[in-house]
Amino acid sequence: MNAKAAVSMLTIYLVAYVVVFATGYYVTLLAYMFLLSPVLLVATVYFVLSDTTHTYPELGEGEEWGYSDKNKSELGVF
């Protein structure tokens, strides 16, 4: 599963949770959804961190991580 799918599914799940909570019905379902939410959150974090669909260049000797879409001169801070 890629990161976009995992985040989308978790977002849909959380919206469903809010809808069930707002209606006040299905208290048992709400409790089960609440208990399941940390597991889904940890799984989503795992899928996002292990997603390999994008390749990033390896850092060279003496290089530090930074934004690859901007040059240092464009930032205007340094």
N, C-alpha and C. Protein backbone atom coordinates (compact mmCIF):
# COMPACT_ATOMS: atom_id res chain seq x y z
N MET A 1 0.86 -1.18 0.00
CA MET A 1 0.00 0.00 0.00
C MET A 1 0.90 1.24 0.00
N ASN A 2 0.55 2.21 -0.81
CA ASN A 2 1.36 3.41 -0.83
C ASN A 2 0.86 4.42 0.21
N ALA A 3 1.62 5.47 0.38
CA ALA A 3 1.34 6.44 1.43
C ALA A 3 0.02 7.18 1.20
N LYS A 4 -0.26 7.54 -0.06
CA LYS A 4 -1.50 8.28 -0.34
C LYS A 4 -2.73 7.45 -0.01
N ALA A 5 -2.70 6.18 -0.34
CA ALA A 5 -3.84 5.31 -0.05
C ALA A 5 -4.02 5.15 1.46
N ALA A 6 -2.93 4.99 2.19
CA ALA A 6 -3.02 4.81 3.64
C ALA A 6 -3.58 6.06 4.32
N VAL A 7 -3.09 7.23 3.90
CA VAL A 7 -3.56 8.48 4.50
C VAL A 7 -5.02 8.72 4.12
N SER A 8 -5.39 8.41 2.89
CA SER A 8 -6.78 8.59 2.46
C SER A 8 -7.73 7.69 3.25
N MET A 9 -7.35 6.44 3.43
CA MET A 9 -8.21 5.51 4.19
C MET A 9 -8.34 5.94 5.64
N LEU A 10 -7.24 6.41 6.24
CA LEU A 10 -7.32 6.87 7.63
C LEU A 10 -8.19 8.12 7.74
N THR A 11 -8.11 9.01 6.76
CA THR A 11 -8.94 10.21 6.78
C THR A 11 -10.42 9.86 6.68
N ILE A 12 -10.75 8.94 5.79
CA ILE A 12 -12.15 8.50 5.67
C ILE A 12 -12.62 7.87 6.97
N TYR A 13 -11.76 7.07 7.60
CA TYR A 13 -12.10 6.43 8.87
C TYR A 13 -12.36 7.49 9.95
N LEU A 14 -11.51 8.50 10.02
CA LEU A 14 -11.69 9.53 11.05
C LEU A 14 -12.92 10.39 10.80
N VAL A 15 -13.25 10.65 9.54
CA VAL A 15 -14.49 11.37 9.22
C VAL A 15 -15.70 10.54 9.63
N ALA A 16 -15.65 9.24 9.36
CA ALA A 16 -16.74 8.35 9.78
C ALA A 16 -16.86 8.35 11.31
N TYR A 17 -15.73 8.35 11.99
CA TYR A 17 -15.75 8.39 13.46
C TYR A 17 -16.43 9.67 13.96
N VAL A 18 -16.09 10.79 13.36
CA VAL A 18 -16.69 12.07 13.78
C VAL A 18 -18.19 12.07 13.50
N VAL A 19 -18.61 11.52 12.38
CA VAL A 19 -20.03 11.47 12.05
C VAL A 19 -20.77 10.60 13.06
N VAL A 20 -20.21 9.43 13.39
CA VAL A 20 -20.86 8.56 14.38
C VAL A 20 -20.90 9.24 15.74
N PHE A 21 -19.82 9.95 16.09
CA PHE A 21 -19.78 10.65 17.36
C PHE A 21 -20.82 11.77 17.41
N ALA A 22 -20.95 12.51 16.30
CA ALA A 22 -21.87 13.64 16.26
C ALA A 22 -23.33 13.20 16.32
N THR A 23 -23.64 12.05 15.74
CA THR A 23 -25.02 11.58 15.77
C THR A 23 -25.42 11.06 17.14
N GLY A 24 -24.48 10.53 17.87
CA GLY A 24 -24.78 10.02 19.21
C GLY A 24 -25.33 8.61 19.22
N TYR A 25 -25.55 8.03 18.05
CA TYR A 25 -26.04 6.66 17.96
C TYR A 25 -24.85 5.71 17.91
N TYR A 26 -25.14 4.45 18.04
CA TYR A 26 -24.12 3.40 17.91
C TYR A 26 -22.93 3.63 18.85
N VAL A 27 -23.21 3.72 20.11
CA VAL A 27 -22.17 3.97 21.11
C VAL A 27 -21.17 2.81 21.14
N THR A 28 -21.66 1.60 20.95
CA THR A 28 -20.76 0.44 20.94
C THR A 28 -19.81 0.51 19.74
N LEU A 29 -20.34 0.86 18.58
CA LEU A 29 -19.50 1.02 17.40
C LEU A 29 -18.47 2.12 17.62
N LEU A 30 -18.88 3.20 18.24
CA LEU A 30 -17.98 4.30 18.54
C LEU A 30 -16.84 3.85 19.44
N ALA A 31 -17.16 3.04 20.43
CA ALA A 31 -16.12 2.54 21.34
C ALA A 31 -15.13 1.65 20.60
N TYR A 32 -15.63 0.77 19.73
CA TYR A 32 -14.72 -0.09 18.97
C TYR A 32 -13.87 0.73 18.00
N MET A 33 -14.47 1.72 17.39
CA MET A 33 -13.70 2.58 16.48
C MET A 33 -12.62 3.34 17.24
N PHE A 34 -12.94 3.79 18.44
CA PHE A 34 -11.96 4.49 19.26
C PHE A 34 -10.81 3.57 19.64
N LEU A 35 -11.11 2.32 19.99
CA LEU A 35 -10.06 1.38 20.37
C LEU A 35 -9.20 0.97 19.18
N LEU A 36 -9.77 0.98 18.00
CA LEU A 36 -9.03 0.58 16.80
C LEU A 36 -8.19 1.72 16.23
N SER A 37 -8.49 2.95 16.56
CA SER A 37 -7.83 4.09 15.94
C SER A 37 -6.31 4.15 16.18
N PRO A 38 -5.78 3.83 17.36
CA PRO A 38 -4.32 3.86 17.50
C PRO A 38 -3.61 2.84 16.61
N VAL A 39 -4.23 1.69 16.42
CA VAL A 39 -3.64 0.66 15.57
C VAL A 39 -3.59 1.17 14.12
N LEU A 40 -4.66 1.78 13.67
CA LEU A 40 -4.69 2.31 12.32
C LEU A 40 -3.71 3.46 12.13
N LEU A 41 -3.55 4.28 13.16
CA LEU A 41 -2.60 5.38 13.08
C LEU A 41 -1.17 4.88 12.98
N VAL A 42 -0.82 3.90 13.79
CA VAL A 42 0.53 3.32 13.74
C VAL A 42 0.77 2.63 12.39
N ALA A 43 -0.24 1.94 11.87
CA ALA A 43 -0.11 1.30 10.56
C ALA A 43 0.08 2.34 9.47
N THR A 44 -0.63 3.45 9.55
CA THR A 44 -0.48 4.51 8.55
C THR A 44 0.92 5.12 8.61
N VAL A 45 1.41 5.34 9.80
CA VAL A 45 2.78 5.86 9.95
C VAL A 45 3.78 4.88 9.34
N TYR A 46 3.60 3.61 9.57
CA TYR A 46 4.48 2.59 9.00
C TYR A 46 4.43 2.64 7.47
N PHE A 47 3.23 2.71 6.90
CA PHE A 47 3.10 2.74 5.45
C PHE A 47 3.72 4.00 4.85
N VAL A 48 3.56 5.13 5.52
CA VAL A 48 4.13 6.37 5.02
C VAL A 48 5.66 6.31 5.08
N LEU A 49 6.21 5.82 6.16
CA LEU A 49 7.66 5.77 6.30
C LEU A 49 8.31 4.72 5.41
N SER A 50 7.58 3.66 5.09
CA SER A 50 8.16 2.59 4.27
C SER A 50 7.80 2.72 2.80
N ASP A 51 7.12 3.79 2.41
CA ASP A 51 6.74 3.98 1.02
C ASP A 51 7.99 4.29 0.19
N THR A 52 8.19 3.53 -0.88
CA THR A 52 9.38 3.71 -1.72
C THR A 52 9.02 4.14 -3.14
N THR A 53 7.88 4.75 -3.34
CA THR A 53 7.48 5.15 -4.68
C THR A 53 8.30 6.34 -5.19
N HIS A 54 8.83 7.16 -4.30
CA HIS A 54 9.67 8.28 -4.70
C HIS A 54 11.12 7.96 -4.37
N THR A 55 12.01 8.28 -5.28
CA THR A 55 13.43 8.07 -5.03
C THR A 55 14.08 9.42 -4.76
N TYR A 56 14.93 9.45 -3.79
CA TYR A 56 15.63 10.66 -3.41
C TYR A 56 17.13 10.42 -3.54
N PRO A 57 17.89 11.43 -3.91
CA PRO A 57 19.33 11.23 -4.06
C PRO A 57 20.01 10.99 -2.72
N GLU A 58 21.05 10.19 -2.77
CA GLU A 58 21.84 9.95 -1.56
C GLU A 58 22.66 11.20 -1.25
N LEU A 59 22.86 11.46 0.02
CA LEU A 59 23.66 12.61 0.42
C LEU A 59 25.14 12.30 0.26
N GLY A 60 25.86 13.27 -0.23
CA GLY A 60 27.29 13.12 -0.39
C GLY A 60 28.03 13.41 0.91
N GLU A 61 29.33 13.28 0.86
CA GLU A 61 30.16 13.55 2.03
C GLU A 61 30.06 15.03 2.41
N GLY A 62 29.74 15.31 3.65
CA GLY A 62 29.64 16.68 4.13
C GLY A 62 28.32 17.36 3.82
N GLU A 63 27.38 16.66 3.19
CA GLU A 63 26.09 17.26 2.88
C GLU A 63 25.11 16.99 4.02
N GLU A 64 24.16 17.88 4.16
CA GLU A 64 23.10 17.73 5.14
C GLU A 64 21.78 17.67 4.42
N TRP A 65 20.77 17.12 5.09
CA TRP A 65 19.45 17.04 4.49
C TRP A 65 18.89 18.45 4.35
N GLY A 66 18.14 18.67 3.29
CA GLY A 66 17.51 19.97 3.08
C GLY A 66 16.42 19.84 2.04
N TYR A 67 15.85 20.94 1.68
CA TYR A 67 14.80 20.94 0.67
C TYR A 67 15.43 20.79 -0.71
N SER A 68 15.01 19.80 -1.46
CA SER A 68 15.63 19.56 -2.76
C SER A 68 14.98 20.39 -3.87
N ASP A 69 13.87 21.04 -3.59
CA ASP A 69 13.21 21.81 -4.64
C ASP A 69 13.59 23.29 -4.62
N LYS A 70 14.39 23.72 -3.67
CA LYS A 70 14.80 25.12 -3.58
C LYS A 70 16.31 25.19 -3.44
N ASN A 71 16.89 26.21 -4.09
CA ASN A 71 18.30 26.50 -3.89
C ASN A 71 18.46 27.37 -2.66
N LYS A 72 19.65 27.33 -2.09
CA LYS A 72 19.91 28.13 -0.90
C LYS A 72 19.75 29.62 -1.18
N SER A 73 20.10 30.05 -2.38
CA SER A 73 19.99 31.47 -2.72
C SER A 73 18.54 31.93 -2.88
N GLU A 74 17.64 31.02 -3.19
CA GLU A 74 16.23 31.37 -3.38
C GLU A 74 15.49 31.55 -2.06
N LEU A 75 16.00 30.99 -1.00
CA LEU A 75 15.30 31.05 0.27
C LEU A 75 15.35 32.43 0.89
N GLY A 76 16.44 33.16 0.70
CA GLY A 76 16.54 34.51 1.21
C GLY A 76 16.76 34.60 2.70
N VAL A 77 17.11 33.50 3.34
CA VAL A 77 17.31 33.51 4.78
C VAL A 77 18.78 33.46 5.13
N PHE A 78 19.56 32.85 4.29
CA PHE A 78 20.97 32.59 4.62
C PHE A 78 21.88 33.64 4.05
